[in-house]
C-alpha atoms as a PDB file:
ATOM      1  CA  MET A   1     121.574 155.912  73.403  1.00  0.00           C
ATOM      2  CA  SER A   2     119.855 152.654  72.622  1.00  0.00           C
ATOM      3  CA  SER A   3     118.690 150.459  75.456  1.00  0.00           C
ATOM      4  CA  VAL A   4     118.666 146.677  75.388  1.00  0.00           C
ATOM      5  CA  PRO A   5     115.087 145.354  75.675  1.00  0.00           C
ATOM      6  CA  ILE A   6     114.256 143.451  78.846  1.00  0.00           C
ATOM      7  CA  GLU A   7     113.247 140.420  76.790  1.00  0.00           C
ATOM      8  CA  TYR A   8     116.890 139.823  75.865  1.00  0.00           C
ATOM      9  CA  TYR A   9     117.878 139.724  79.528  1.00  0.00           C
ATOM     10  CA  LEU A  10     115.028 137.361  80.313  1.00  0.00           C
ATOM     11  CA  VAL A  11     115.940 135.011  77.469  1.00  0.00           C
ATOM     12  CA  VAL A  12     119.556 134.858  78.643  1.00  0.00           C
ATOM     13  CA  ALA A  13     118.374 134.279  82.225  1.00  0.00           C
ATOM     14  CA  ALA A  14     116.032 131.514  81.079  1.00  0.00           C
ATOM     15  CA  VAL A  15     118.826 129.809  79.132  1.00  0.00           C
ATOM     16  CA  LEU A  16     121.115 130.045  82.161  1.00  0.00           C
ATOM     17  CA  PHE A  17     118.443 128.651  84.473  1.00  0.00           C
ATOM     18  CA  ILE A  18     117.558 125.790  82.138  1.00  0.00           C
ATOM     19  CA  THR A  19     121.242 124.940  81.702  1.00  0.00           C
ATOM     20  CA  GLY A  20     121.679 124.874  85.479  1.00  0.00           C
ATOM     21  CA  ALA A  21     118.547 122.785  85.994  1.00  0.00           C
ATOM     22  CA  ILE A  22     119.583 120.254  83.357  1.00  0.00           C
ATOM     23  CA  GLY A  23     123.072 120.072  84.846  1.00  0.00           C
ATOM     24  CA  PHE A  24     121.609 119.529  88.304  1.00  0.00           C
ATOM     25  CA  LEU A  25     119.214 116.822  87.165  1.00  0.00           C
ATOM     26  CA  LEU A  26     121.520 114.885  84.848  1.00  0.00           C
ATOM     27  CA  ARG A  27     124.979 115.046  86.394  1.00  0.00           C
ATOM     28  CA  ARG A  28     126.139 113.027  89.403  1.00  0.00           C
ATOM     29  CA  ASN A  29     129.382 114.809  90.296  1.00  0.00           C
ATOM     30  CA  LEU A  30     128.874 116.837  93.471  1.00  0.00           C
ATOM     31  CA  LEU A  31     130.964 119.767  92.248  1.00  0.00           C
ATOM     32  CA  ILE A  32     128.963 119.945  89.021  1.00  0.00           C
ATOM     33  CA  LEU A  33     125.775 119.944  91.101  1.00  0.00           C
ATOM     34  CA  LEU A  34     127.051 122.899  93.146  1.00  0.00           C
ATOM     35  CA  MET A  35     128.020 124.788  89.990  1.00  0.00           C
ATOM     36  CA  SER A  36     124.583 124.110  88.511  1.00  0.00           C
ATOM     37  CA  ILE A  37     122.920 125.563  91.609  1.00  0.00           C
ATOM     38  CA  GLU A  38     125.136 128.641  91.316  1.00  0.00           C
ATOM     39  CA  LEU A  39     124.170 128.976  87.655  1.00  0.00           C
ATOM     40  CA  MET A  40     120.476 128.899  88.557  1.00  0.00           C
ATOM     41  CA  LEU A  41     120.979 131.504  91.297  1.00  0.00           C
ATOM     42  CA  ASN A  42     122.825 133.767  88.860  1.00  0.00           C
ATOM     43  CA  ALA A  43     119.947 133.426  86.390  1.00  0.00           C
ATOM     44  CA  VAL A  44     117.566 134.616  89.093  1.00  0.00           C
ATOM     45  CA  ASN A  45     119.911 137.515  89.875  1.00  0.00           C
ATOM     46  CA  LEU A  46     119.954 138.522  86.220  1.00  0.00           C
ATOM     47  CA  THR A  47     116.161 138.496  86.159  1.00  0.00           C
ATOM     48  CA  LEU A  48     115.941 140.649  89.290  1.00  0.00           C
ATOM     49  CA  VAL A  49     118.381 143.219  87.915  1.00  0.00           C
ATOM     50  CA  ALA A  50     116.638 143.225  84.535  1.00  0.00           C
ATOM     51  CA  TYR A  51     113.293 143.975  86.135  1.00  0.00           C
ATOM     52  CA  ASN A  52     114.950 146.656  88.192  1.00  0.00           C
ATOM     53  CA  ARG A  53     115.846 148.421  84.912  1.00  0.00           C
ATOM     54  CA  ILE A  54     112.127 148.954  84.303  1.00  0.00           C
ATOM     55  CA  HIS A  55     111.763 150.784  87.635  1.00  0.00           C
ATOM     56  CA  PRO A  56     115.073 152.646  88.066  1.00  0.00           C
ATOM     57  CA  LEU A  57     113.943 154.535  91.186  1.00  0.00           C
ATOM     58  CA  ASN A  58     113.027 151.344  93.034  1.00  0.00           C
ATOM     59  CA  HIS A  59     116.173 149.443  94.050  1.00  0.00           C
ATOM     60  CA  ASN A  60     114.465 146.410  95.589  1.00  0.00           C
ATOM     61  CA  GLY A  61     115.668 144.107  92.793  1.00  0.00           C
ATOM     62  CA  GLN A  62     119.307 145.079  93.282  1.00  0.00           C
ATOM     63  CA  ILE A  63     119.074 144.845  97.078  1.00  0.00           C
ATOM     64  CA  PHE A  64     117.499 141.399  96.852  1.00  0.00           C
ATOM     65  CA  THR A  65     120.201 140.396  94.379  1.00  0.00           C
ATOM     66  CA  PHE A  66     122.883 141.293  96.924  1.00  0.00           C
ATOM     67  CA  PHE A  67     121.166 139.061  99.483  1.00  0.00           C
ATOM     68  CA  VAL A  68     120.996 136.209  96.965  1.00  0.00           C
ATOM     69  CA  ILE A  69     124.714 136.643  96.241  1.00  0.00           C
ATOM     70  CA  ALA A  70     125.484 136.469  99.975  1.00  0.00           C
ATOM     71  CA  VAL A  71     123.382 133.320 100.376  1.00  0.00           C
ATOM     72  CA  ALA A  72     125.046 131.795  97.293  1.00  0.00           C
ATOM     73  CA  ALA A  73     128.501 132.477  98.744  1.00  0.00           C
ATOM     74  CA  ALA A  74     127.520 130.829 102.021  1.00  0.00           C
ATOM     75  CA  GLU A  75     125.972 127.901 100.149  1.00  0.00           C
ATOM     76  CA  ALA A  76     129.113 127.446  98.084  1.00  0.00           C
ATOM     77  CA  SER A  77     131.412 127.429 101.099  1.00  0.00           C
ATOM     78  CA  VAL A  78     129.254 125.030 103.135  1.00  0.00           C
ATOM     79  CA  GLY A  79     128.617 122.840 100.108  1.00  0.00           C
ATOM     80  CA  LEU A  80     132.316 122.646  99.287  1.00  0.00           C
ATOM     81  CA  ALA A  81     133.107 121.715 102.899  1.00  0.00           C
ATOM     82  CA  ILE A  82     130.532 118.914 102.741  1.00  0.00           C
ATOM     83  CA  VAL A  83     131.928 117.703  99.406  1.00  0.00           C
ATOM     84  CA  LEU A  84     135.474 117.643 100.813  1.00  0.00           C
ATOM     85  CA  ALA A  85     134.335 115.738 103.907  1.00  0.00           C
ATOM     86  CA  PHE A  86     132.477 113.271 101.703  1.00  0.00           C
ATOM     87  CA  TYR A  87     135.522 112.807  99.486  1.00  0.00           C
ATOM     88  CA  ARG A  88     137.757 112.114 102.490  1.00  0.00           C
ATOM     89  CA  VAL A  89     135.414 109.383 103.712  1.00  0.00           C
ATOM     90  CA  ARG A  90     134.412 107.691 100.429  1.00  0.00           C
ATOM     91  CA  ARG A  91     137.114 108.751  97.929  1.00  0.00           C
ATOM     92  CA  THR A  92     134.432 109.569  95.382  1.00  0.00           C
ATOM     93  CA  MET A  93     132.564 112.660  94.226  1.00  0.00           C
ATOM     94  CA  ARG A  94     129.435 110.932  92.934  1.00  0.00           C
ATOM     95  CA  SER A  95     126.138 111.970  94.475  1.00  0.00           C
ATOM     96  CA  ASP A  96     124.751 108.441  94.024  1.00  0.00           C
ATOM     97  CA  GLU A  97     126.895 107.287  96.922  1.00  0.00           C
ATOM     98  CA  ALA A  98     125.975 110.128  99.279  1.00  0.00           C
ATOM     99  CA  ASP A  99     123.475 107.990 101.175  1.00  0.00           C
ATOM    100  CA  LEU A 100     126.400 105.876 102.373  1.00  0.00           C
ATOM    101  CA  LEU A 101     127.370 108.584 104.892  1.00  0.00           C
ATOM    102  CA  ARG A 102     124.938 107.043 107.369  1.00  0.00           C
ATOM    103  CA  SER A 103     127.184 104.068 108.038  1.00  0.00           C
END
């Protein structure tokens, strides 16, 4: 049985994280921003699980990954509720106009 080296997992995680970071920094659509955050969180989860493969008797990486998944689900639901409320008020999904909620 051949095992996949941890470097491959880390490269994929780095590509996912960089893609999410670029999407977060360059895009202005609020839904794209939320998806970019989720992509970065999944990259961190992949890294945690990959490092857990080095120490198979220690399950801290997998346990922490479950907590990150729970936080990501809560973040997605709250973020989507905020996006929907913003869309109802301003009829736009652009993050540039989010400071207009003060009025």
